[in-house]
Protein backbone atom coordinates (compact mmCIF):
# COMPACT_ATOMS: atom_id res chain seq x y z
CA MET A 1 135.27 -96.77 17.62
CA ALA A 2 136.92 -99.56 17.10
CA THR A 3 135.14 -102.84 18.01
CA LEU A 4 137.31 -105.67 18.87
CA ASP A 5 137.24 -108.62 16.09
CA GLN A 6 139.58 -111.69 16.91
CA SER A 7 141.86 -112.32 19.78
CA PHE A 8 144.00 -115.24 21.31
CA THR A 9 144.58 -113.82 25.15
CA THR A 10 145.92 -117.45 26.35
CA ASN A 11 149.66 -117.00 26.75
CA ASP A 12 151.93 -119.11 28.44
CA SER A 13 154.96 -118.17 28.19
CA THR A 14 156.86 -115.29 25.79
CA TYR A 15 159.01 -114.87 22.64
CA GLY A 16 161.97 -112.16 22.36
CA ILE A 17 161.71 -109.14 19.63
CA LYS A 18 165.15 -108.99 18.03
CA ASN A 19 166.66 -110.90 21.22
CA THR A 20 168.94 -112.26 17.92
CA ALA A 21 169.67 -111.63 15.08
CA ALA A 22 166.77 -114.34 13.61
CA PHE A 23 163.98 -113.10 15.81
CA THR A 24 164.55 -109.19 14.17
CA TYR A 25 160.57 -109.75 13.08
CA ARG A 26 157.71 -111.63 15.09
CA SER A 27 153.86 -111.67 13.28
CA GLN A 28 151.13 -113.11 14.47
CA GLY A 29 148.46 -114.00 11.71
CA PHE A 30 144.59 -113.28 12.08
CA THR A 31 141.66 -113.62 9.63
CA PRO A 32 139.06 -110.73 10.30
CA SER A 33 135.20 -111.89 10.31
CA VAL A 34 134.32 -107.82 9.29
CA SER A 35 135.06 -105.97 6.49
CA GLY A 36 136.47 -102.23 7.12
CA THR A 37 139.86 -100.96 8.61
CA CYS A 38 142.31 -102.41 11.28
CA ALA A 39 142.04 -99.17 13.47
CA GLN A 40 143.91 -100.98 17.03
CA VAL A 41 145.83 -103.55 18.22
CA ASP A 42 146.40 -105.06 21.32
CA LEU A 43 149.69 -106.52 22.57
CA CYS A 44 150.60 -108.47 25.71
CA LEU A 45 154.16 -107.50 25.86
CA ALA A 46 157.03 -107.09 28.29
CA LYS A 47 160.10 -106.26 29.08
CA GLN A 48 163.72 -108.45 29.84
CA GLY A 49 166.43 -106.22 31.52
CA ASN A 50 166.33 -102.89 30.33
CA PRO A 51 165.57 -102.35 26.34
CA THR A 52 166.53 -98.72 25.12
CA GLY A 53 164.18 -97.83 21.58
CA ASN A 54 161.09 -98.51 20.31
CA VAL A 55 158.93 -101.82 19.92
CA GLN A 56 157.35 -101.04 16.16
CA VAL A 57 153.76 -102.88 14.84
CA GLY A 58 152.32 -102.74 11.46
CA ILE A 59 149.63 -104.83 9.66
CA TRP A 60 150.94 -106.56 7.18
CA SER A 61 149.19 -108.45 3.63
CA ASP A 62 149.42 -112.18 3.44
CA ASP A 63 151.57 -114.10 0.59
CA GLY A 64 148.91 -116.36 -0.37
CA GLY A 65 151.20 -119.06 2.11
CA GLY A 66 150.20 -117.88 5.73
CA GLN A 67 153.39 -115.53 5.79
CA PRO A 68 153.94 -112.09 5.98
CA SER A 69 153.99 -110.00 2.43
CA SER A 70 154.20 -106.27 2.92
CA LEU A 71 152.84 -103.10 4.73
CA LEU A 72 149.71 -101.86 4.43
CA SER A 73 149.30 -99.65 7.30
CA ASP A 74 151.42 -96.77 9.25
CA VAL A 75 153.79 -98.22 11.50
CA VAL A 76 152.88 -97.45 15.51
CA THR A 77 155.86 -97.56 17.75
CA TYR A 78 155.58 -98.17 21.81
CA ASN A 79 159.25 -97.25 24.10
CA SER A 80 160.34 -100.39 24.79
CA ALA A 81 161.67 -98.84 28.43
CA SER A 82 158.44 -98.02 29.62
CA LEU A 83 157.29 -101.86 29.70
CA GLY A 84 157.30 -103.89 32.63
CA ALA A 85 155.71 -107.16 33.75
CA LEU A 86 153.56 -108.52 30.28
CA ALA A 87 150.56 -106.54 29.73
CA TRP A 88 148.09 -105.52 27.11
CA ILE A 89 149.62 -102.48 25.03
CA THR A 90 147.58 -100.71 23.08
CA PHE A 91 148.45 -99.60 19.12
CA ASN A 92 146.35 -97.47 17.41
CA PHE A 93 146.47 -96.59 14.05
CA SER A 94 146.13 -93.77 12.03
CA SER A 95 146.58 -94.59 8.27
CA PRO A 96 145.05 -97.98 8.96
CA ALA A 97 144.79 -100.88 6.40
CA THR A 98 141.85 -101.71 5.21
CA ILE A 99 141.03 -105.06 5.57
CA THR A 100 138.17 -107.89 4.21
CA ALA A 101 136.72 -110.50 6.12
CA SER A 102 138.28 -114.13 5.69
CA THR A 103 141.37 -112.98 4.24
CA VAL A 104 144.12 -113.00 6.64
CA TYR A 105 146.51 -110.16 7.33
CA HIS A 106 149.03 -110.42 10.05
CA ILE A 107 150.10 -107.91 12.71
CA VAL A 108 153.97 -107.79 12.46
CA VAL A 109 156.03 -105.91 15.58
CA THR A 110 160.16 -105.43 15.36
CA ALA A 111 162.41 -103.29 17.28
CA THR A 112 164.57 -100.14 16.90
CA TYR A 113 167.55 -101.81 19.15
CA SER A 114 170.27 -103.52 17.78
CA SER A 115 169.53 -107.42 18.38
CA ASP A 116 170.35 -107.55 21.76
CA ASN A 117 170.07 -110.82 24.38
CA THR A 118 170.00 -109.31 27.59
CA ASN A 119 167.77 -106.39 26.91
CA TYR A 120 164.63 -106.71 24.99
CA ALA A 121 161.00 -106.82 24.52
CA THR A 122 158.77 -110.23 24.85
CA TRP A 123 155.43 -111.02 23.13
CA GLY A 124 152.82 -113.26 24.97
CA VAL A 125 152.39 -116.95 23.37
CA ASN A 126 150.91 -120.07 23.32
CA MET A 127 153.18 -122.94 22.85
CA THR A 128 150.73 -125.20 21.78
CA GLY A 129 148.75 -122.69 19.39
CA GLY A 130 145.19 -122.54 19.82
CA TYR A 131 144.52 -119.96 17.41
CA GLY A 132 142.54 -121.16 13.48
CA GLY A 133 142.65 -117.65 11.79
CA GLY A 134 146.51 -117.63 11.61
CA VAL A 135 150.00 -118.79 12.73
CA ASN A 136 152.74 -117.56 14.40
CA ASN A 137 156.19 -116.44 12.24
CA TYR A 138 159.62 -115.45 12.49
CA SER A 139 161.86 -113.38 10.74
CA SER A 140 165.54 -112.12 10.37
CA ASP A 141 164.95 -109.73 7.68
CA GLY A 142 161.18 -108.95 7.14
CA SER A 143 160.96 -111.48 3.70
CA THR A 144 162.40 -114.34 4.52
CA TRP A 145 159.99 -115.86 7.23
CA ALA A 146 159.48 -119.37 9.16
CA GLY A 147 156.36 -120.73 11.13
CA ALA A 148 156.94 -121.20 14.66
CA GLY A 149 153.70 -123.71 15.43
CA THR A 150 152.68 -121.18 17.85
CA ASP A 151 150.67 -118.40 18.83
CA HIS A 152 150.99 -114.76 20.35
CA ASP A 153 148.40 -112.92 21.96
CA PHE A 154 146.69 -110.48 20.39
CA LYS A 155 143.53 -108.10 20.29
CA GLN A 156 142.51 -106.64 16.65
CA TYR A 157 140.03 -104.18 16.15
CA TYR A 158 137.70 -102.67 12.95
CA ASN A 159 136.27 -99.69 12.24
CA ALA A 160 133.48 -100.87 9.65
CA VAL A 161 133.45 -99.75 6.58
CA VAL A 162 130.25 -96.97 5.49
CA ALA A 163 129.13 -96.94 2.23
CA THR A 164 129.60 -94.03 -0.05
CA GLY A 165 126.27 -91.69 -0.02
CA ASP A 166 125.36 -93.76 3.53
CA MET A 167 126.22 -90.53 5.50
CA PHE A 168 123.21 -90.64 8.02
CA ASN A 169 124.58 -93.95 9.02
CA MET A 170 128.00 -91.99 10.18
CA PHE A 171 126.09 -90.10 12.40
CA ILE A 172 124.27 -92.83 14.26
């Protein structure tokens, strides 16, 4: 079972996901305190209007400068039409990213629908920030990122790595 490690749950607004081309990708950096695999993230999401298509979430590495670099996990999807008012949505990774304590990683979110300023998903955000383990970034193409100076709501869960040969502890 996954165990909660990092979280930031204080929102006072939302940011659109792919509501304009500039915001095709949104991310939130996090720094785990435990090594293992990132098995699950919960994100506080909602919808504006009636989006179609899926929200997509993955765990990315850091480029050494606080911005996402490359995908480390599988991509998990959620039907954006199923979103309602701001609520916690769980994303479980079937091929989770291996994470190392005290290293920055990023939760990256995008969507399969076309950029639409009327119908889109939103992600809870605190406009003054407050999470010290990473920053919020956005990108139009997934390769060039800019910082937003705020922090998105998230909960990051891990599965501990079991040492090879430590089969007994796997069943406790």
